[in-house]
């Protein structure tokens, strides 16, 4: 399911492209929890070359921001991950957000993440200062908040055109079940450990995370 494009946002992008007769750029930001959405991110990665070719044929450069392909060690060590994500959303023309079963890392399910998340939010400030209200939320939700959900961002032309996708619950349940079944029959303990970890990618972390994800879904639908 996805959000119907706001006319103001669409016209804003069209005018941006028209104003640059040469070397116009469309920036796409991909947002999802790091674990559990690999297949969707990889599927888009496969299509990027053909999308870039199509854009170039129309004198447009396609830029894709996908932080699962790499948050630098420097950014992580300086607790700048949250700010960099927000800045990238600010830069985007199109925002592709998708969720499977997992809500993403937050203090709701991982209290030990509170330190680096709080430091990251403290370093935001300015136009991102409202994130102070979302300290218990996942970075993925913070990205969605900045792209669309928070305040009047859903109608502001300078915010990206967002599309939100939610994977079938049945798909995630089947994935987790099959991974467990394979792990039980595999005599390789290292493979079992990996599958035991991976099957959790297709399940929500806990009840608090389930509620947070449900609330987010209801807002963007």
Protein backbone atom coordinates (compact mmCIF):
# COMPACT_ATOMS: atom_id res chain seq x y z
CA UNK A 1 0.00 0.00 0.00
CA UNK A 2 1.27 3.47 -0.74
CA UNK A 3 0.48 7.14 -0.40
CA UNK A 4 -1.16 8.95 -3.34
CA UNK A 5 1.22 11.64 -4.60
CA UNK A 6 0.46 15.15 -3.40
CA UNK A 7 0.05 17.48 -6.42
CA UNK A 8 2.17 20.23 -4.86
CA UNK A 9 5.11 17.86 -4.40
CA UNK A 10 4.82 16.55 -7.94
CA UNK A 11 4.70 20.05 -9.46
CA UNK A 12 7.66 21.06 -7.31
CA UNK A 13 9.73 18.22 -8.77
CA UNK A 14 8.58 18.97 -12.32
CA UNK A 15 9.55 22.62 -11.96
CA UNK A 16 12.92 21.63 -10.52
CA UNK A 17 13.63 19.46 -13.55
CA UNK A 18 12.39 22.10 -15.98
CA UNK A 19 14.60 24.76 -14.41
CA UNK A 20 17.70 22.73 -15.21
CA UNK A 21 17.79 22.02 -18.91
CA UNK A 22 21.01 20.07 -18.48
CA UNK A 23 22.34 17.89 -15.67
CA UNK A 24 19.09 17.73 -13.71
CA UNK A 25 19.15 15.23 -10.85
CA UNK A 26 16.47 13.12 -9.20
CA UNK A 27 17.50 11.79 -5.80
CA UNK A 28 15.79 8.70 -4.40
CA UNK A 29 16.10 7.76 -0.73
CA UNK A 30 15.45 4.16 0.33
CA UNK A 31 14.23 3.63 3.88
CA UNK A 32 13.63 0.38 5.75
CA UNK A 33 14.94 -1.45 8.81
CA UNK A 34 18.41 -2.83 8.11
CA UNK A 35 17.44 -6.45 8.80
CA UNK A 36 14.56 -8.18 7.10
CA UNK A 37 14.15 -6.07 3.95
CA UNK A 38 17.21 -7.31 2.06
CA UNK A 39 15.22 -8.84 -0.78
CA UNK A 40 13.40 -5.59 -1.57
CA UNK A 41 16.57 -3.48 -1.37
CA UNK A 42 18.46 -5.97 -3.57
CA UNK A 43 15.62 -6.08 -6.10
CA UNK A 44 15.76 -2.31 -6.42
CA UNK A 45 19.55 -2.43 -6.68
CA UNK A 46 19.24 -4.74 -9.70
CA UNK A 47 16.93 -2.25 -11.41
CA UNK A 48 19.09 0.81 -10.76
CA UNK A 49 21.25 0.50 -13.89
CA UNK A 50 18.23 0.36 -16.20
CA UNK A 51 16.59 3.24 -14.31
CA UNK A 52 19.76 5.31 -14.63
CA UNK A 53 19.91 4.56 -18.35
CA UNK A 54 16.29 5.63 -18.78
CA UNK A 55 16.93 8.86 -16.88
CA UNK A 56 20.08 9.64 -18.84
CA UNK A 57 18.17 9.22 -22.07
CA UNK A 58 15.99 12.05 -20.80
CA UNK A 59 18.95 14.20 -19.65
CA UNK A 60 18.36 13.41 -15.99
CA UNK A 61 20.85 11.91 -13.54
CA UNK A 62 19.45 9.42 -11.03
CA UNK A 63 21.04 9.43 -7.58
CA UNK A 64 20.11 6.70 -5.10
CA UNK A 65 20.77 6.96 -1.36
CA UNK A 66 20.64 3.59 0.37
CA UNK A 67 22.46 3.56 3.68
CA UNK A 68 22.27 -0.20 3.95
CA UNK A 69 25.01 -0.15 1.34
CA UNK A 70 27.16 1.67 3.85
CA UNK A 71 27.11 3.99 6.87
CA UNK A 72 30.74 4.99 7.26
CA UNK A 73 32.65 4.02 10.37
CA UNK A 74 33.47 7.69 10.86
CA UNK A 75 29.78 8.68 11.01
CA UNK A 76 28.97 5.85 13.41
CA UNK A 77 31.87 6.62 15.73
CA UNK A 78 30.88 10.29 15.93
CA UNK A 79 27.18 9.46 16.51
CA UNK A 80 26.22 11.29 13.31
CA UNK A 81 24.17 8.47 11.81
CA UNK A 82 20.78 9.99 12.69
CA UNK A 83 21.70 13.46 11.42
CA UNK A 84 23.14 12.09 8.17
CA UNK A 85 19.96 10.11 7.57
CA UNK A 86 17.82 13.22 8.12
CA UNK A 87 20.03 15.31 5.83
CA UNK A 88 19.73 12.65 3.14
CA UNK A 89 15.93 12.62 3.42
CA UNK A 90 16.03 16.42 3.12
CA UNK A 91 18.04 16.04 -0.08
CA UNK A 92 15.67 13.49 -1.63
CA UNK A 93 13.07 14.11 -4.33
CA UNK A 94 11.50 10.68 -3.94
CA UNK A 95 11.26 8.65 -0.72
CA UNK A 96 10.72 4.88 -0.90
CA UNK A 97 9.85 3.43 2.49
CA UNK A 98 8.98 -0.15 3.23
CA UNK A 99 8.45 -2.38 6.21
CA UNK A 100 8.25 -6.08 6.78
CA UNK A 101 7.54 -7.48 10.23
CA UNK A 102 10.42 -5.73 12.02
CA UNK A 103 10.07 -2.20 13.35
CA UNK A 104 13.81 -1.54 13.53
CA UNK A 105 16.33 -0.81 16.27
CA UNK A 106 14.91 1.37 19.03
CA UNK A 107 14.93 1.57 22.82
CA UNK A 108 11.50 -0.11 22.73
CA UNK A 109 13.21 -3.43 22.06
CA UNK A 110 16.89 -2.67 22.63
CA UNK A 111 17.45 -0.47 25.71
CA UNK A 112 21.21 -0.55 25.16
CA UNK A 113 20.69 1.48 21.97
CA UNK A 114 19.53 4.46 24.02
CA UNK A 115 23.06 5.88 24.33
CA UNK A 116 23.95 6.20 20.65
CA UNK A 117 20.40 7.12 19.62
CA UNK A 118 20.20 9.95 22.16
CA UNK A 119 23.65 11.24 21.21
CA UNK A 120 22.63 11.16 17.57
CA UNK A 121 19.44 13.14 18.22
CA UNK A 122 21.33 15.62 20.42
CA UNK A 123 23.60 16.37 17.45
CA UNK A 124 20.67 17.08 15.14
CA UNK A 125 19.16 20.35 16.35
CA UNK A 126 17.90 23.09 14.03
CA UNK A 127 15.28 21.87 11.55
CA UNK A 128 15.58 18.39 13.07
CA UNK A 129 15.07 19.49 16.70
CA UNK A 130 11.53 18.02 16.71
CA UNK A 131 13.17 14.57 16.79
CA UNK A 132 13.48 15.11 20.52
CA UNK A 133 9.89 13.85 20.67
CA UNK A 134 10.85 10.58 18.98
CA UNK A 135 13.74 9.41 21.16
CA UNK A 136 12.10 6.03 21.75
CA UNK A 137 11.47 5.46 18.03
CA UNK A 138 13.51 3.65 15.42
CA UNK A 139 15.74 5.53 12.99
CA UNK A 140 13.52 4.22 10.18
CA UNK A 141 10.46 5.88 11.73
CA UNK A 142 12.46 9.09 12.18
CA UNK A 143 13.17 9.02 8.44
CA UNK A 144 9.46 8.55 7.73
CA UNK A 145 8.59 11.35 10.14
CA UNK A 146 10.89 13.77 8.33
CA UNK A 147 9.78 12.72 4.86
CA UNK A 148 6.05 12.80 5.46
CA UNK A 149 4.54 12.14 8.88
CA UNK A 150 5.64 14.97 11.18
CA UNK A 151 3.62 18.20 11.27
CA UNK A 152 2.81 19.56 7.81
CA UNK A 153 5.48 17.53 6.02
CA UNK A 154 2.81 15.54 4.16
CA UNK A 155 1.79 18.60 2.13
CA UNK A 156 4.97 20.70 1.98
CA UNK A 157 6.25 20.83 -1.62
CA UNK A 158 9.88 20.92 -0.48
CA UNK A 159 9.56 17.48 1.13
CA UNK A 160 10.08 14.34 -1.00
CA UNK A 161 7.36 12.52 -2.87
CA UNK A 162 6.84 9.47 -0.61
CA UNK A 163 5.77 5.94 -1.38
CA UNK A 164 5.15 3.54 1.51
CA UNK A 165 5.02 -0.23 1.14
CA UNK A 166 4.14 -2.91 3.70
CA UNK A 167 4.94 -6.57 3.17
CA UNK A 168 2.33 -9.27 3.75
CA UNK A 169 2.27 -10.67 7.29
CA UNK A 170 1.79 -14.14 5.83
CA UNK A 171 5.04 -13.82 3.87
CA UNK A 172 6.99 -12.96 7.02
CA UNK A 173 5.40 -15.78 9.02
CA UNK A 174 6.23 -18.33 6.31
CA UNK A 175 9.81 -17.04 6.03
CA UNK A 176 10.45 -17.33 9.78
CA UNK A 177 8.87 -20.79 9.91
CA UNK A 178 10.91 -22.11 6.98
CA UNK A 179 14.17 -20.75 8.40
CA UNK A 180 13.51 -22.47 11.73
CA UNK A 181 12.59 -25.73 10.03
CA UNK A 182 15.80 -25.67 7.98
CA UNK A 183 17.88 -24.83 11.05
CA UNK A 184 16.54 -27.84 12.96
CA UNK A 185 17.51 -30.21 10.14
CA UNK A 186 20.96 -28.69 9.53
CA UNK A 187 23.85 -30.39 11.33
CA UNK A 188 26.15 -27.41 10.75
CA UNK A 189 25.96 -25.42 14.01
CA UNK A 190 27.26 -22.22 12.40
CA UNK A 191 24.50 -22.40 9.78
CA UNK A 192 21.97 -23.01 12.53
CA UNK A 193 23.17 -19.98 14.47
CA UNK A 194 22.83 -17.81 11.38
CA UNK A 195 19.34 -19.07 10.57
CA UNK A 196 18.26 -18.67 14.20
CA UNK A 197 19.32 -15.05 13.96
CA UNK A 198 17.84 -14.52 10.51
CA UNK A 199 14.41 -15.92 11.35
CA UNK A 200 14.02 -13.02 13.80
CA UNK A 201 14.32 -10.63 10.84
CA UNK A 202 10.83 -11.72 9.88
CA UNK A 203 9.22 -11.17 13.29
CA UNK A 204 8.42 -7.97 15.15
CA UNK A 205 10.83 -7.41 18.04
CA UNK A 206 8.26 -7.15 20.86
CA UNK A 207 4.77 -5.86 21.65
CA UNK A 208 5.90 -2.24 22.08
CA UNK A 209 7.53 -2.33 18.65
CA UNK A 210 4.41 -3.90 17.16
CA UNK A 211 2.30 -1.05 18.53
CA UNK A 212 4.72 1.62 17.23
CA UNK A 213 4.73 0.05 13.75
CA UNK A 214 0.95 -0.26 13.75
CA UNK A 215 0.57 3.42 14.66
CA UNK A 216 2.96 4.43 11.86
CA UNK A 217 1.07 2.31 9.32
CA UNK A 218 -2.23 3.89 10.31
CA UNK A 219 -0.82 7.39 9.86
CA UNK A 220 0.52 6.90 6.33
CA UNK A 221 -2.35 4.81 4.98
